[in-house]
N, C-alpha and C. Protein backbone atom coordinates (compact mmCIF):
# COMPACT_ATOMS: atom_id res chain seq x y z
N MET A 1 56.70 -19.77 85.23
CA MET A 1 55.90 -19.29 83.91
C MET A 1 55.85 -20.45 83.45
N ASN A 2 54.76 -20.72 82.97
CA ASN A 2 53.99 -22.07 82.01
C ASN A 2 54.44 -21.55 81.30
N SER A 3 54.79 -22.79 80.30
CA SER A 3 54.70 -22.66 79.13
C SER A 3 53.78 -23.60 78.58
N GLY A 4 53.84 -23.92 77.20
CA GLY A 4 52.90 -24.80 76.58
C GLY A 4 53.88 -25.23 75.16
N LYS A 5 53.58 -26.24 74.44
CA LYS A 5 54.07 -26.95 73.20
C LYS A 5 52.91 -27.38 72.60
N VAL A 6 52.49 -27.06 71.49
CA VAL A 6 52.02 -27.73 70.16
C VAL A 6 52.74 -27.94 69.48
N LYS A 7 52.06 -28.53 68.14
CA LYS A 7 52.56 -28.49 66.75
C LYS A 7 51.63 -28.68 65.82
N ILE A 8 51.89 -28.18 64.56
CA ILE A 8 51.11 -28.00 63.43
C ILE A 8 51.84 -29.05 62.48
N LYS A 9 50.95 -29.80 61.74
CA LYS A 9 51.84 -30.94 60.74
C LYS A 9 51.00 -30.40 59.59
N TRP A 10 51.61 -30.38 58.33
CA TRP A 10 51.17 -29.99 56.89
C TRP A 10 51.08 -31.42 56.35
N THR A 11 49.43 -31.83 56.21
CA THR A 11 49.54 -32.55 55.44
C THR A 11 48.94 -32.78 54.02
N GLY A 12 49.10 -31.57 53.49
CA GLY A 12 48.79 -31.71 51.94
C GLY A 12 47.83 -30.60 51.76
N GLY A 13 47.68 -29.84 50.20
CA GLY A 13 46.77 -28.65 50.08
C GLY A 13 46.88 -27.85 50.79
N MET A 14 45.67 -27.61 51.76
CA MET A 14 45.72 -26.37 52.92
C MET A 14 45.03 -26.65 54.01
N GLN A 15 45.76 -28.15 54.00
CA GLN A 15 44.95 -28.67 55.20
C GLN A 15 46.23 -28.84 56.42
N PHE A 16 46.16 -29.22 57.82
CA PHE A 16 47.30 -29.42 58.57
C PHE A 16 46.36 -29.93 59.76
N VAL A 17 47.16 -30.53 60.87
CA VAL A 17 47.10 -31.33 61.94
C VAL A 17 47.75 -30.89 63.03
N GLY A 18 46.74 -30.30 63.63
CA GLY A 18 47.40 -29.72 64.98
C GLY A 18 47.20 -30.48 66.25
N THR A 19 48.43 -30.46 67.14
CA THR A 19 48.37 -31.41 67.98
C THR A 19 48.64 -30.79 69.03
N ASP A 20 47.88 -30.60 70.68
CA ASP A 20 48.05 -29.65 71.51
C ASP A 20 49.12 -30.94 72.48
N SER A 21 49.68 -30.03 73.25
CA SER A 21 50.74 -30.60 74.68
C SER A 21 50.19 -32.09 75.04
N GLY A 22 48.57 -32.29 75.23
CA GLY A 22 48.00 -33.42 75.47
C GLY A 22 47.96 -34.88 74.77
N ASN A 23 48.56 -34.30 73.37
CA ASN A 23 48.82 -35.20 72.39
C ASN A 23 46.95 -35.28 71.82
N HIS A 24 45.90 -34.07 71.70
CA HIS A 24 45.08 -34.34 71.04
C HIS A 24 45.17 -33.41 69.85
N SER A 25 44.18 -34.09 68.82
CA SER A 25 44.98 -33.48 67.69
C SER A 25 43.74 -32.75 66.92
N VAL A 26 43.68 -31.82 66.30
CA VAL A 26 42.33 -31.32 65.49
C VAL A 26 42.97 -30.85 64.04
N VAL A 27 41.89 -31.28 63.06
CA VAL A 27 42.26 -30.87 61.31
C VAL A 27 41.96 -29.24 61.34
N ILE A 28 42.73 -28.42 60.60
CA ILE A 28 42.83 -27.20 60.62
C ILE A 28 42.90 -27.59 59.10
N SER A 29 41.74 -26.41 57.94
CA SER A 29 41.90 -26.24 56.45
C SER A 29 41.75 -24.62 56.44
N SER A 30 41.93 -24.44 55.32
CA SER A 30 41.06 -23.18 54.77
C SER A 30 39.75 -23.19 54.67
N HIS A 31 38.96 -22.51 53.91
CA HIS A 31 37.76 -22.80 53.96
C HIS A 31 37.45 -22.13 52.63
N ASP A 32 38.42 -22.43 51.37
CA ASP A 32 38.08 -21.79 49.88
C ASP A 32 37.06 -23.10 49.22
N LYS A 33 37.05 -23.09 48.04
CA LYS A 33 36.54 -23.63 47.34
C LYS A 33 36.23 -25.27 47.74
N ASP A 34 37.66 -25.46 47.73
CA ASP A 34 37.83 -27.11 47.53
C ASP A 34 38.19 -27.77 48.84
N ASN A 35 38.14 -26.64 49.45
CA ASN A 35 38.72 -27.49 51.28
C ASN A 35 37.89 -26.93 52.17
N HIS A 36 36.85 -27.75 52.87
CA HIS A 36 36.30 -27.61 54.16
C HIS A 36 36.67 -28.66 54.69
N THR A 37 37.72 -29.11 55.12
CA THR A 37 38.12 -30.54 56.05
C THR A 37 38.21 -30.17 57.72
N GLY A 38 38.56 -29.30 57.85
CA GLY A 38 38.80 -28.94 59.27
C GLY A 38 38.35 -27.55 59.52
N LEU A 39 38.90 -27.34 61.14
CA LEU A 39 38.26 -25.72 61.61
C LEU A 39 39.36 -24.92 60.62
N LYS A 40 38.81 -23.30 60.45
CA LYS A 40 39.48 -22.24 60.02
C LYS A 40 40.30 -21.75 61.29
N PRO A 41 41.57 -21.57 60.77
CA PRO A 41 42.38 -20.72 62.41
C PRO A 41 41.71 -19.75 62.92
N SER A 42 40.87 -19.10 62.43
CA SER A 42 40.20 -17.64 62.87
C SER A 42 39.06 -18.17 64.12
N ASP A 43 38.25 -19.37 63.43
CA ASP A 43 37.72 -19.95 64.11
C ASP A 43 38.06 -20.36 65.19
N MET A 44 39.38 -21.05 65.14
CA MET A 44 39.85 -21.44 66.22
C MET A 44 40.12 -20.54 67.74
N LEU A 45 40.33 -19.09 66.82
CA LEU A 45 40.81 -18.18 68.05
C LEU A 45 39.64 -18.23 68.93
N LEU A 46 38.35 -17.70 68.01
CA LEU A 46 37.09 -17.77 68.55
C LEU A 46 36.94 -18.77 69.70
N LEU A 47 36.83 -19.82 69.31
CA LEU A 47 36.68 -21.34 70.13
C LEU A 47 37.38 -21.46 71.49
N ALA A 48 39.07 -20.75 71.32
CA ALA A 48 40.01 -20.53 72.48
C ALA A 48 39.04 -19.70 73.44
N LEU A 49 39.11 -18.26 73.03
CA LEU A 49 38.29 -17.68 73.61
C LEU A 49 36.91 -18.21 74.57
N GLY A 50 36.20 -18.91 73.80
CA GLY A 50 35.03 -19.08 74.14
C GLY A 50 35.43 -20.69 75.66
N SER A 51 35.79 -21.10 75.17
CA SER A 51 36.23 -22.10 75.99
C SER A 51 36.88 -21.81 76.96
N CYS A 52 37.73 -20.94 77.04
CA CYS A 52 38.52 -20.17 77.72
C CYS A 52 37.58 -19.86 79.06
N THR A 53 37.02 -18.92 78.48
CA THR A 53 35.81 -18.65 79.53
C THR A 53 34.86 -18.98 79.92
N ALA A 54 34.43 -20.21 79.29
CA ALA A 54 33.40 -21.03 79.57
C ALA A 54 33.99 -21.74 80.98
N TYR A 55 35.89 -22.31 81.08
CA TYR A 55 36.21 -22.86 81.84
C TYR A 55 36.07 -21.95 82.88
N ASP A 56 36.78 -20.89 83.09
CA ASP A 56 36.59 -19.95 84.01
C ASP A 56 35.01 -19.57 85.23
N VAL A 57 34.09 -19.46 84.08
CA VAL A 57 32.66 -19.24 84.67
C VAL A 57 32.24 -20.50 85.63
N ILE A 58 32.45 -21.79 84.89
CA ILE A 58 31.82 -23.17 85.81
C ILE A 58 32.53 -23.22 86.91
N HIS A 59 33.94 -22.91 86.67
CA HIS A 59 34.68 -22.92 88.02
C HIS A 59 34.62 -21.63 89.08
N ILE A 60 34.29 -20.29 88.90
CA ILE A 60 33.70 -19.68 89.77
C ILE A 60 32.44 -19.82 90.37
N LEU A 61 31.61 -20.32 89.17
CA LEU A 61 29.94 -20.58 89.54
C LEU A 61 29.97 -21.89 90.64
N GLU A 62 30.99 -22.96 90.58
CA GLU A 62 31.08 -23.71 91.52
C GLU A 62 31.60 -23.40 92.84
N LYS A 63 32.39 -22.44 92.58
CA LYS A 63 32.56 -21.76 94.21
C LYS A 63 31.67 -20.95 94.70
N LYS A 64 31.16 -20.65 93.92
CA LYS A 64 29.80 -19.70 94.82
C LYS A 64 28.76 -20.85 94.98
N ARG A 65 28.79 -22.12 94.48
CA ARG A 65 27.67 -23.01 95.02
C ARG A 65 26.56 -22.88 93.91
N VAL A 66 26.88 -22.42 92.81
CA VAL A 66 25.62 -22.31 92.04
C VAL A 66 25.58 -23.65 91.30
N GLU A 67 24.29 -24.01 91.24
CA GLU A 67 23.80 -24.99 90.64
C GLU A 67 23.68 -24.71 89.30
N LEU A 68 24.50 -25.07 88.42
CA LEU A 68 24.48 -24.81 86.92
C LEU A 68 24.37 -25.73 86.03
N ILE A 69 23.37 -26.13 85.30
CA ILE A 69 23.37 -27.67 84.61
C ILE A 69 23.38 -27.58 83.27
N GLY A 70 23.63 -26.34 82.46
CA GLY A 70 24.60 -26.09 81.21
C GLY A 70 24.75 -24.62 80.84
N LEU A 71 25.83 -24.80 80.17
CA LEU A 71 26.36 -23.19 79.39
C LEU A 71 26.43 -23.59 78.17
N GLU A 72 26.15 -22.84 77.23
CA GLU A 72 26.37 -22.51 76.04
C GLU A 72 26.60 -21.29 75.67
N ILE A 73 27.66 -21.12 74.51
CA ILE A 73 28.48 -19.66 74.62
C ILE A 73 28.13 -19.74 72.93
N ASN A 74 27.50 -18.66 72.83
CA ASN A 74 27.37 -18.25 71.13
C ASN A 74 28.12 -16.80 70.77
N ILE A 75 29.11 -17.36 69.92
CA ILE A 75 30.34 -16.08 69.51
C ILE A 75 29.94 -15.50 67.97
N GLN A 76 29.79 -14.31 68.17
CA GLN A 76 30.19 -13.69 67.00
C GLN A 76 30.99 -12.56 66.47
N SER A 77 31.44 -12.79 65.25
CA SER A 77 32.90 -11.28 65.43
C SER A 77 32.91 -10.77 64.36
N GLU A 78 33.33 -9.95 64.31
CA GLU A 78 33.75 -8.67 63.00
C GLU A 78 35.03 -8.68 62.81
N GLN A 79 35.33 -9.05 61.62
CA GLN A 79 36.79 -8.93 61.12
C GLN A 79 36.82 -7.91 60.02
N ALA A 80 38.10 -7.10 59.93
CA ALA A 80 38.86 -6.19 59.06
C ALA A 80 38.59 -6.55 57.29
N ASP A 81 38.15 -5.88 57.05
CA ASP A 81 37.84 -6.12 55.55
C ASP A 81 38.83 -6.40 54.80
N ASP A 82 40.03 -5.88 54.83
CA ASP A 82 41.66 -5.67 54.40
C ASP A 82 42.47 -6.89 55.22
N PRO A 83 43.40 -7.89 54.48
CA PRO A 83 44.40 -8.27 55.03
C PRO A 83 45.14 -7.59 56.22
N PRO A 84 45.33 -8.28 57.15
CA PRO A 84 45.12 -9.83 57.89
C PRO A 84 43.92 -9.84 58.31
N HIS A 85 42.79 -9.13 57.95
CA HIS A 85 41.28 -9.62 58.39
C HIS A 85 41.16 -9.60 59.85
N HIS A 86 41.70 -9.14 60.77
CA HIS A 86 42.15 -8.99 62.40
C HIS A 86 40.75 -8.81 62.89
N PHE A 87 40.87 -9.39 63.88
CA PHE A 87 39.00 -9.43 64.64
C PHE A 87 39.54 -7.78 64.98
N GLN A 88 37.60 -7.20 64.94
CA GLN A 88 37.92 -5.62 65.18
C GLN A 88 36.61 -5.95 66.58
N LYS A 89 35.87 -6.81 66.58
CA LYS A 89 34.79 -6.78 67.66
C LYS A 89 34.26 -8.33 67.81
N ILE A 90 34.56 -8.72 69.15
CA ILE A 90 34.04 -10.18 69.32
C ILE A 90 33.00 -10.28 70.11
N HIS A 91 31.77 -10.81 69.79
CA HIS A 91 30.38 -10.64 71.37
C HIS A 91 30.59 -11.72 71.70
N LEU A 92 30.75 -12.25 73.14
CA LEU A 92 30.15 -13.74 73.13
C LEU A 92 29.14 -13.40 74.34
N HIS A 93 27.85 -14.48 73.85
CA HIS A 93 26.37 -14.63 74.77
C HIS A 93 26.54 -15.94 74.91
N TYR A 94 26.55 -15.68 76.71
CA TYR A 94 26.40 -16.99 77.56
C TYR A 94 24.71 -17.39 77.37
N VAL A 95 24.81 -18.42 77.39
CA VAL A 95 23.11 -19.04 78.13
C VAL A 95 23.48 -20.14 78.95
N LEU A 96 22.90 -19.64 80.24
CA LEU A 96 22.96 -20.37 81.14
C LEU A 96 21.52 -21.41 81.81
N THR A 97 21.90 -22.34 81.71
CA THR A 97 20.88 -23.44 82.30
C THR A 97 21.02 -23.86 83.70
N GLY A 98 20.21 -23.95 84.91
CA GLY A 98 20.00 -23.99 86.05
C GLY A 98 18.67 -23.92 86.62
N LYS A 99 18.88 -24.16 88.22
CA LYS A 99 17.68 -23.34 89.09
C LYS A 99 18.07 -22.75 89.59
N SER A 100 17.34 -21.28 90.23
CA SER A 100 17.70 -20.61 91.08
C SER A 100 18.96 -19.45 90.63
N LEU A 101 19.30 -19.35 89.27
CA LEU A 101 20.31 -19.00 88.92
C LEU A 101 20.47 -17.20 89.44
N ASN A 102 21.75 -16.66 89.88
CA ASN A 102 21.85 -15.38 90.56
C ASN A 102 22.21 -14.44 89.33
N ASN A 103 21.36 -13.84 88.68
CA ASN A 103 22.17 -12.85 87.95
C ASN A 103 23.20 -12.28 87.95
N LYS A 104 23.38 -11.50 89.17
CA LYS A 104 24.87 -10.96 90.45
C LYS A 104 25.82 -11.96 89.92
N SER A 105 25.52 -12.87 90.86
CA SER A 105 26.87 -14.20 90.48
C SER A 105 26.86 -14.50 88.89
N ILE A 106 26.18 -14.74 88.22
CA ILE A 106 26.72 -14.80 86.81
C ILE A 106 27.37 -13.75 85.96
N GLU A 107 26.58 -12.66 86.26
CA GLU A 107 27.17 -11.42 85.55
C GLU A 107 29.29 -10.97 86.30
N HIS A 108 29.10 -11.29 87.33
CA HIS A 108 30.51 -11.59 88.02
C HIS A 108 31.41 -12.34 87.62
N ALA A 109 30.90 -13.60 87.44
CA ALA A 109 31.82 -14.94 87.23
C ALA A 109 31.93 -14.44 85.71
N ILE A 110 31.39 -14.02 84.78
CA ILE A 110 31.69 -13.98 83.10
C ILE A 110 32.85 -12.44 83.06
N GLN A 111 32.50 -11.82 84.17
CA GLN A 111 33.10 -10.38 84.28
C GLN A 111 34.89 -10.71 84.86
N LEU A 112 34.91 -11.49 85.74
CA LEU A 112 35.95 -11.27 86.16
C LEU A 112 36.54 -12.75 84.78
N SER A 113 36.43 -13.70 84.36
CA SER A 113 36.64 -14.45 83.26
C SER A 113 37.35 -13.39 81.86
N VAL A 114 36.53 -12.43 81.78
CA VAL A 114 36.69 -11.96 80.63
C VAL A 114 37.86 -10.78 80.77
N GLU A 115 37.68 -10.38 81.75
CA GLU A 115 38.59 -9.11 82.27
C GLU A 115 40.06 -9.71 83.01
N LYS A 116 39.98 -10.82 83.51
CA LYS A 116 40.79 -10.94 84.51
C LYS A 116 41.43 -12.35 84.50
N TYR A 117 40.45 -13.56 84.34
CA TYR A 117 41.43 -14.95 84.47
C TYR A 117 41.85 -15.49 83.11
N CYS A 118 40.92 -15.19 81.90
CA CYS A 118 40.95 -15.73 80.57
C CYS A 118 42.47 -15.31 79.76
N SER A 119 43.28 -16.18 79.96
CA SER A 119 44.56 -15.90 79.05
C SER A 119 44.14 -15.56 77.78
N VAL A 120 43.45 -16.00 77.04
CA VAL A 120 43.11 -15.76 75.36
C VAL A 120 42.25 -14.30 75.54
N ALA A 121 41.25 -14.42 76.53
CA ALA A 121 41.26 -12.85 76.31
C ALA A 121 42.22 -11.73 76.41
N ALA A 122 43.16 -11.97 78.03
CA ALA A 122 43.84 -11.10 77.87
C ALA A 122 45.15 -10.75 76.59
N THR A 123 44.86 -11.54 75.88
CA THR A 123 45.79 -11.90 74.80
C THR A 123 45.59 -11.15 73.53
N ILE A 124 44.05 -10.75 73.41
CA ILE A 124 43.41 -10.20 72.44
C ILE A 124 42.72 -9.15 72.61
N ARG A 125 42.38 -8.47 73.98
CA ARG A 125 41.85 -7.36 74.25
C ARG A 125 42.29 -6.25 73.83
N ASP A 126 43.45 -6.00 73.44
CA ASP A 126 44.05 -4.82 73.04
C ASP A 126 44.00 -4.84 71.48
N VAL A 127 43.61 -5.47 70.81
CA VAL A 127 43.44 -5.66 69.69
C VAL A 127 41.97 -5.85 69.27
N ALA A 128 41.26 -6.37 69.62
CA ALA A 128 39.68 -6.28 69.28
C ALA A 128 38.91 -6.25 70.73
N GLU A 129 37.54 -5.65 70.78
CA GLU A 129 36.65 -5.03 71.60
C GLU A 129 35.75 -6.61 71.94
N ILE A 130 36.22 -6.76 73.20
CA ILE A 130 35.21 -7.86 73.50
C ILE A 130 34.15 -7.14 74.28
N GLN A 131 32.92 -7.70 73.80
CA GLN A 131 31.73 -7.70 74.56
C GLN A 131 30.80 -8.89 75.00
N HIS A 132 30.29 -8.89 75.92
CA HIS A 132 29.63 -10.14 76.57
C HIS A 132 28.09 -9.63 76.96
N SER A 133 27.19 -10.80 76.62
CA SER A 133 25.78 -10.68 77.31
C SER A 133 25.44 -12.10 77.61
N TYR A 134 24.38 -12.13 78.46
CA TYR A 134 23.93 -13.55 79.12
C TYR A 134 22.32 -13.90 79.25
N GLU A 135 21.90 -14.81 79.02
CA GLU A 135 20.60 -15.21 79.30
C GLU A 135 20.64 -16.15 80.26
N VAL A 136 19.22 -16.37 80.86
CA VAL A 136 19.66 -17.22 82.20
C VAL A 136 18.06 -18.22 81.46
N VAL A 137 18.26 -19.87 81.37
CA VAL A 137 16.97 -20.49 81.07
C VAL A 137 16.81 -21.25 82.63
N THR A 138 15.90 -21.30 82.87
CA THR A 138 15.60 -22.07 84.08
C THR A 138 15.07 -23.62 83.59
N ALA A 139 15.33 -24.38 84.48
CA ALA A 139 15.29 -25.42 84.57
C ALA A 139 14.39 -26.45 85.03
């Protein structure tokens, strides 16, 4: 079984520093009227989902010998109006840049990531509907 260890340290007010298992840190804060010093925890979940799928998509496309030059993922979400404001829908829009990119390979890589390999997607898919789309930019 894989395991991980991270920590959160309160630095005052509604600000924290999160440190991962590799000793990399990020500032986390609320986004109320007095505090915009770091990432919102809910945005971090979306970033975790996007980066998790990005890793998989790049890895799968490399195995297929697809020459990818760039990848950007724009993520939109809908959250419930009432606390705890859980995510209801998340849409990942992939923008892939390269030469002679194959739509079938791209769709397959994204689908494998979102439905099989990404641990973040696997963790939240029973709570939030995860959708995806993509576009190809020719370099």
